[in-house]
Amino acid sequence: MGVMQKMQANHAPGDLVAVQHDAYLSRIRLHLPERKTQAMNIIKNYRNWRRFRSAIDELSRLSNRELDDIGITRADIPHVARRGR
């Protein structure tokens, strides 16, 4: 006798629906941490991209003289922004 048959034999039809619903929720809970992690990664990647773009924008507003004073050229801006220094 299978598990479902045993449940049907021992429980009323309403109990079977509740058991199936609990099993469904348990399967969903197993995937929640994975989905939460995926969402958090998306948020983290977006924040990192915004910081990168902000650094590029800020450095791009500097004059060549100001960039020279801090020891970088216009060509170095994406590299410097990526490193975060």
N, C-alpha and C. Protein backbone atom coordinates (compact mmCIF):
# COMPACT_ATOMS: atom_id res chain seq x y z
N MET A 1 0.85 -1.16 0.00
CA MET A 1 0.00 0.00 0.00
C MET A 1 0.90 1.24 0.00
N GLY A 2 0.63 2.17 -0.92
CA GLY A 2 1.43 3.38 -1.05
C GLY A 2 1.12 4.39 0.05
N VAL A 3 1.95 5.41 0.13
CA VAL A 3 1.79 6.44 1.15
C VAL A 3 0.45 7.14 1.00
N MET A 4 0.10 7.52 -0.24
CA MET A 4 -1.17 8.21 -0.46
C MET A 4 -2.35 7.32 -0.08
N GLN A 5 -2.25 6.02 -0.39
CA GLN A 5 -3.33 5.10 -0.05
C GLN A 5 -3.47 4.97 1.47
N LYS A 6 -2.33 4.95 2.17
CA LYS A 6 -2.38 4.87 3.63
C LYS A 6 -3.02 6.12 4.20
N MET A 7 -2.67 7.30 3.64
CA MET A 7 -3.25 8.54 4.12
C MET A 7 -4.76 8.55 3.88
N GLN A 8 -5.17 8.06 2.72
CA GLN A 8 -6.59 8.04 2.40
C GLN A 8 -7.34 7.09 3.32
N ALA A 9 -6.71 5.99 3.68
CA ALA A 9 -7.35 5.01 4.53
C ALA A 9 -7.47 5.52 5.97
N ASN A 10 -6.48 6.29 6.43
CA ASN A 10 -6.44 6.73 7.83
C ASN A 10 -7.07 8.09 8.06
N HIS A 11 -7.34 8.88 7.02
CA HIS A 11 -7.81 10.24 7.20
C HIS A 11 -9.06 10.51 6.36
N ALA A 12 -9.78 11.49 6.82
CA ALA A 12 -10.95 11.94 6.07
C ALA A 12 -10.47 12.72 4.85
N PRO A 13 -11.32 12.87 3.81
CA PRO A 13 -10.92 13.58 2.60
C PRO A 13 -10.38 14.99 2.86
N GLY A 14 -10.95 15.71 3.82
CA GLY A 14 -10.46 17.05 4.15
C GLY A 14 -9.05 17.01 4.71
N ASP A 15 -8.74 15.98 5.49
CA ASP A 15 -7.39 15.83 6.04
C ASP A 15 -6.38 15.59 4.92
N LEU A 16 -6.78 14.84 3.90
CA LEU A 16 -5.89 14.54 2.78
C LEU A 16 -5.51 15.83 2.05
N VAL A 17 -6.50 16.69 1.85
CA VAL A 17 -6.23 17.97 1.19
C VAL A 17 -5.25 18.78 2.02
N ALA A 18 -5.43 18.80 3.33
CA ALA A 18 -4.53 19.54 4.21
C ALA A 18 -3.11 18.98 4.14
N VAL A 19 -2.99 17.66 4.11
CA VAL A 19 -1.68 17.01 4.03
C VAL A 19 -1.01 17.36 2.70
N GLN A 20 -1.78 17.32 1.61
CA GLN A 20 -1.23 17.67 0.30
C GLN A 20 -0.80 19.14 0.27
N HIS A 21 -1.60 20.00 0.88
CA HIS A 21 -1.27 21.43 0.93
C HIS A 21 0.02 21.65 1.73
N ASP A 22 0.16 20.95 2.86
CA ASP A 22 1.38 21.07 3.67
C ASP A 22 2.60 20.58 2.90
N ALA A 23 2.42 19.50 2.14
CA ALA A 23 3.53 18.98 1.34
C ALA A 23 3.92 19.99 0.26
N TYR A 24 2.94 20.65 -0.34
CA TYR A 24 3.19 21.67 -1.36
C TYR A 24 3.96 22.85 -0.75
N LEU A 25 3.51 23.31 0.42
CA LEU A 25 4.19 24.41 1.09
C LEU A 25 5.63 24.03 1.46
N SER A 26 5.83 22.80 1.86
CA SER A 26 7.18 22.35 2.20
C SER A 26 8.10 22.40 0.98
N ARG A 27 7.58 22.02 -0.19
CA ARG A 27 8.39 22.08 -1.41
C ARG A 27 8.72 23.53 -1.76
N ILE A 28 7.75 24.43 -1.57
CA ILE A 28 8.00 25.84 -1.85
C ILE A 28 9.07 26.39 -0.91
N ARG A 29 8.98 26.04 0.37
CA ARG A 29 9.96 26.53 1.36
C ARG A 29 11.37 26.09 1.02
N LEU A 30 11.50 24.93 0.40
CA LEU A 30 12.82 24.46 0.00
C LEU A 30 13.45 25.38 -1.04
N HIS A 31 12.63 26.01 -1.89
CA HIS A 31 13.13 26.87 -2.96
C HIS A 31 13.22 28.33 -2.56
N LEU A 32 12.60 28.73 -1.45
CA LEU A 32 12.63 30.12 -1.03
C LEU A 32 14.04 30.64 -0.79
N PRO A 33 14.90 29.93 -0.06
CA PRO A 33 16.25 30.47 0.14
C PRO A 33 16.98 30.70 -1.18
N GLU A 34 16.78 29.81 -2.16
CA GLU A 34 17.42 29.96 -3.46
C GLU A 34 16.91 31.23 -4.16
N ARG A 35 15.62 31.45 -4.13
CA ARG A 35 15.04 32.64 -4.77
C ARG A 35 15.45 33.90 -4.03
N LYS A 36 15.51 33.83 -2.71
CA LYS A 36 15.94 34.97 -1.91
C LYS A 36 17.38 35.31 -2.25
N THR A 37 18.22 34.30 -2.38
CA THR A 37 19.62 34.51 -2.74
C THR A 37 19.73 35.13 -4.13
N GLN A 38 18.94 34.66 -5.07
CA GLN A 38 18.96 35.23 -6.42
C GLN A 38 18.55 36.69 -6.39
N ALA A 39 17.51 37.00 -5.65
CA ALA A 39 17.05 38.39 -5.55
C ALA A 39 18.11 39.26 -4.89
N MET A 40 18.74 38.74 -3.86
CA MET A 40 19.78 39.51 -3.18
C MET A 40 20.98 39.73 -4.09
N ASN A 41 21.31 38.75 -4.91
CA ASN A 41 22.41 38.91 -5.87
C ASN A 41 22.08 39.98 -6.91
N ILE A 42 20.84 40.01 -7.35
CA ILE A 42 20.43 41.03 -8.32
C ILE A 42 20.58 42.41 -7.69
N ILE A 43 20.11 42.55 -6.46
CA ILE A 43 20.21 43.83 -5.77
C ILE A 43 21.67 44.22 -5.56
N LYS A 44 22.48 43.27 -5.13
CA LYS A 44 23.91 43.54 -4.90
C LYS A 44 24.60 43.96 -6.20
N ASN A 45 24.31 43.25 -7.28
CA ASN A 45 24.92 43.58 -8.57
C ASN A 45 24.49 44.96 -9.05
N TYR A 46 23.22 45.31 -8.84
CA TYR A 46 22.74 46.63 -9.23
C TYR A 46 23.44 47.73 -8.42
N ARG A 47 23.58 47.52 -7.12
CA ARG A 47 24.26 48.51 -6.27
C ARG A 47 25.72 48.68 -6.69
N ASN A 48 26.38 47.56 -6.98
CA ASN A 48 27.76 47.64 -7.44
C ASN A 48 27.86 48.40 -8.76
N TRP A 49 26.94 48.15 -9.67
CA TRP A 49 26.94 48.86 -10.95
C TRP A 49 26.72 50.35 -10.74
N ARG A 50 25.79 50.70 -9.83
CA ARG A 50 25.53 52.12 -9.55
C ARG A 50 26.77 52.81 -8.97
N ARG A 51 27.48 52.13 -8.07
CA ARG A 51 28.72 52.70 -7.52
C ARG A 51 29.75 52.91 -8.62
N PHE A 52 29.88 51.92 -9.50
CA PHE A 52 30.82 52.01 -10.62
C PHE A 52 30.47 53.19 -11.51
N ARG A 53 29.17 53.30 -11.88
CA ARG A 53 28.74 54.41 -12.75
C ARG A 53 28.93 55.76 -12.05
N SER A 54 28.67 55.81 -10.76
CA SER A 54 28.84 57.05 -10.01
C SER A 54 30.31 57.47 -10.00
N ALA A 55 31.20 56.52 -9.80
CA ALA A 55 32.64 56.82 -9.80
C ALA A 55 33.09 57.31 -11.17
N ILE A 56 32.62 56.66 -12.22
CA ILE A 56 32.97 57.09 -13.58
C ILE A 56 32.46 58.51 -13.83
N ASP A 57 31.22 58.76 -13.46
CA ASP A 57 30.64 60.10 -13.66
C ASP A 57 31.42 61.17 -12.91
N GLU A 58 31.76 60.87 -11.67
CA GLU A 58 32.48 61.84 -10.85
C GLU A 58 33.88 62.11 -11.40
N LEU A 59 34.58 61.06 -11.77
CA LEU A 59 35.94 61.24 -12.32
C LEU A 59 35.89 61.92 -13.68
N SER A 60 34.87 61.64 -14.45
CA SER A 60 34.75 62.25 -15.78
C SER A 60 34.52 63.76 -15.70
N ARG A 61 33.95 64.22 -14.62
CA ARG A 61 33.71 65.66 -14.45
C ARG A 61 34.98 66.43 -14.12
N LEU A 62 36.02 65.72 -13.70
CA LEU A 62 37.28 66.40 -13.37
C LEU A 62 37.99 66.85 -14.65
N SER A 63 38.74 67.93 -14.53
CA SER A 63 39.53 68.41 -15.67
C SER A 63 40.76 67.52 -15.83
N ASN A 64 41.41 67.62 -16.99
CA ASN A 64 42.63 66.85 -17.22
C ASN A 64 43.69 67.20 -16.19
N ARG A 65 43.75 68.45 -15.80
CA ARG A 65 44.72 68.91 -14.79
C ARG A 65 44.44 68.24 -13.44
N GLU A 66 43.17 68.19 -13.06
CA GLU A 66 42.81 67.56 -11.78
C GLU A 66 43.08 66.05 -11.81
N LEU A 67 42.81 65.43 -12.95
CA LEU A 67 43.11 64.00 -13.09
C LEU A 67 44.61 63.77 -12.99
N ASP A 68 45.40 64.65 -13.62
CA ASP A 68 46.85 64.55 -13.56
C ASP A 68 47.35 64.70 -12.12
N ASP A 69 46.71 65.58 -11.36
CA ASP A 69 47.10 65.78 -9.96
C ASP A 69 46.91 64.51 -9.12
N ILE A 70 45.91 63.72 -9.43
CA ILE A 70 45.70 62.49 -8.67
C ILE A 70 46.35 61.27 -9.34
N GLY A 71 47.03 61.53 -10.46
CA GLY A 71 47.85 60.48 -11.08
C GLY A 71 47.13 59.54 -12.02
N ILE A 72 46.03 59.97 -12.62
CA ILE A 72 45.36 59.11 -13.60
C ILE A 72 45.06 59.90 -14.87
N THR A 73 44.80 59.17 -15.94
CA THR A 73 44.40 59.79 -17.20
C THR A 73 42.94 59.44 -17.48
N ARG A 74 42.39 60.05 -18.50
CA ARG A 74 40.99 59.74 -18.86
C ARG A 74 40.83 58.26 -19.22
N ALA A 75 41.84 57.69 -19.83
CA ALA A 75 41.77 56.28 -20.21
C ALA A 75 41.76 55.36 -18.98
N ASP A 76 42.27 55.85 -17.86
CA ASP A 76 42.33 55.05 -16.63
C ASP A 76 41.01 55.04 -15.86
N ILE A 77 40.10 55.94 -16.19
CA ILE A 77 38.89 56.12 -15.39
C ILE A 77 38.10 54.81 -15.19
N PRO A 78 37.76 54.05 -16.24
CA PRO A 78 37.00 52.81 -15.99
C PRO A 78 37.76 51.82 -15.11
N HIS A 79 39.06 51.73 -15.31
CA HIS A 79 39.87 50.80 -14.50
C HIS A 79 39.88 51.24 -13.03
N VAL A 80 40.08 52.52 -12.80
CA VAL A 80 40.11 53.05 -11.44
C VAL A 80 38.73 52.87 -10.79
N ALA A 81 37.67 53.15 -11.52
CA ALA A 81 36.31 53.01 -11.00
C ALA A 81 36.00 51.55 -10.67
N ARG A 82 36.49 50.64 -11.47
CA ARG A 82 36.25 49.22 -11.23
C ARG A 82 36.96 48.73 -9.98
N ARG A 83 38.18 49.24 -9.77
CA ARG A 83 38.95 48.84 -8.59
C ARG A 83 38.43 49.51 -7.32
N GLY A 84 37.77 50.64 -7.47
CA GLY A 84 37.24 51.34 -6.33
C GLY A 84 38.26 52.15 -5.56
N ARG A 85 39.33 52.54 -6.23
CA ARG A 85 40.36 53.37 -5.57
C ARG A 85 40.37 54.74 -6.15
